[in-house]
Amino acid sequence: EQPKGPSFTIEDDHLVKWANWEFHLKPDPRAGVVISRAKVMDPNTREMRNVMYKGFTSELFVPYMDPTDAWYFKTYMDAGEYGFGLQAMPLDPL
């Protein structure tokens, strides 16, 4: 909730501008949220600097506890196991 209005803007349905950042955001049914062409304002040159070409939420791999076969299913963000993007929901006001 942001009582003074959103701290970001969205242009062309996918370009997000927030603080000193701008990036493209896309939902993907298999990979989940895909962030691409991420840039940040360089404080020294005042120009946008490329930071990341493409990143997937499914690349977040968090093994919990013991790495043995008994714990492999605890890698919740693994797209191959659960189809992370299929579990995503749109954000609707209220």
Protein backbone atom coordinates (compact mmCIF):
# COMPACT_ATOMS: atom_id res chain seq x y z
CA GLU A 1 0.00 0.00 0.00
CA GLN A 2 1.39 3.39 -1.01
CA PRO A 3 -0.84 6.23 0.27
CA LYS A 4 1.03 8.87 -1.76
CA GLY A 5 0.66 6.87 -4.96
CA PRO A 6 2.98 4.33 -6.58
CA SER A 7 6.73 4.90 -6.43
CA PHE A 8 7.09 3.38 -9.90
CA THR A 9 5.73 3.84 -13.41
CA ILE A 10 4.96 1.27 -16.08
CA GLU A 11 5.31 2.24 -19.74
CA ASP A 12 4.30 0.19 -22.79
CA ASP A 13 2.86 -2.53 -20.51
CA HIS A 14 6.29 -3.88 -19.54
CA LEU A 15 8.92 -1.16 -18.92
CA VAL A 16 9.14 -0.46 -15.18
CA LYS A 17 10.82 2.69 -13.91
CA TRP A 18 11.49 2.78 -10.19
CA ALA A 19 13.93 4.93 -8.20
CA ASN A 20 17.20 4.87 -10.22
CA TRP A 21 16.22 1.68 -12.05
CA GLU A 22 14.47 0.71 -15.26
CA PHE A 23 13.80 -2.80 -16.49
CA HIS A 24 11.40 -4.89 -18.55
CA LEU A 25 9.10 -7.27 -16.69
CA LYS A 26 7.37 -10.27 -18.26
CA PRO A 27 5.47 -13.21 -16.80
CA ASP A 28 6.36 -16.60 -18.25
CA PRO A 29 4.29 -19.74 -17.58
CA ARG A 30 7.38 -21.89 -16.99
CA ALA A 31 10.07 -19.54 -15.68
CA GLY A 32 7.87 -17.22 -13.62
CA VAL A 33 8.78 -13.54 -13.65
CA VAL A 34 11.44 -12.60 -16.18
CA ILE A 35 13.37 -9.36 -15.68
CA SER A 36 15.31 -8.16 -18.69
CA ARG A 37 17.36 -5.20 -19.83
CA ALA A 38 17.84 -3.97 -16.26
CA LYS A 39 19.64 -0.64 -15.99
CA VAL A 40 20.60 1.64 -13.12
CA MET A 41 21.50 5.32 -13.09
CA ASP A 42 25.25 5.69 -12.56
CA PRO A 43 25.64 8.40 -9.89
CA ASN A 44 28.96 9.59 -11.35
CA THR A 45 28.08 9.89 -15.04
CA ARG A 46 24.28 10.33 -14.61
CA GLU A 47 23.82 7.83 -17.46
CA MET A 48 21.90 4.55 -17.42
CA ARG A 49 24.27 1.60 -16.99
CA ASN A 50 23.36 -1.95 -18.07
CA VAL A 51 23.26 -4.35 -15.12
CA MET A 52 21.53 -7.50 -16.35
CA TYR A 53 20.42 -8.69 -19.77
CA LYS A 54 17.94 -11.33 -18.60
CA GLY A 55 17.15 -12.95 -15.26
CA PHE A 56 14.55 -15.51 -14.23
CA THR A 57 12.98 -16.12 -10.83
CA SER A 58 13.34 -19.81 -11.62
CA GLU A 59 17.12 -19.34 -11.45
CA LEU A 60 16.78 -18.79 -7.71
CA PHE A 61 17.86 -22.11 -6.29
CA VAL A 62 17.68 -22.43 -2.54
CA PRO A 63 18.56 -25.88 -1.22
CA TYR A 64 17.28 -26.37 2.31
CA MET A 65 18.86 -28.59 4.92
CA ASP A 66 20.63 -31.76 3.82
CA PRO A 67 21.56 -32.16 0.10
CA THR A 68 20.64 -35.86 0.12
CA ASP A 69 17.82 -37.34 -1.96
CA ALA A 70 15.37 -36.93 0.91
CA TRP A 71 15.51 -33.12 0.62
CA TYR A 72 15.62 -32.45 -3.15
CA PHE A 73 11.93 -31.45 -3.21
CA LYS A 74 12.59 -28.46 -0.93
CA THR A 75 13.90 -26.34 -3.83
CA TYR A 76 10.67 -24.37 -4.10
CA MET A 77 11.70 -22.00 -6.87
CA ASP A 78 12.80 -24.73 -9.26
CA ALA A 79 10.63 -24.28 -12.34
CA GLY A 80 11.13 -27.88 -13.41
CA GLU A 81 9.64 -29.18 -10.18
CA TYR A 82 6.64 -26.89 -9.70
CA GLY A 83 6.23 -24.70 -12.79
CA PHE A 84 6.81 -21.48 -10.83
CA GLY A 85 5.09 -19.27 -13.42
CA LEU A 86 1.91 -21.35 -13.35
CA GLN A 87 1.50 -20.52 -9.67
CA ALA A 88 1.70 -16.76 -10.22
CA MET A 89 -1.41 -14.62 -9.90
CA PRO A 90 -2.17 -11.13 -11.21
CA LEU A 91 -2.11 -8.30 -8.70
CA ASP A 92 -5.56 -6.76 -8.53
CA PRO A 93 -6.46 -3.72 -6.43
CA LEU A 94 -8.40 -4.60 -3.28
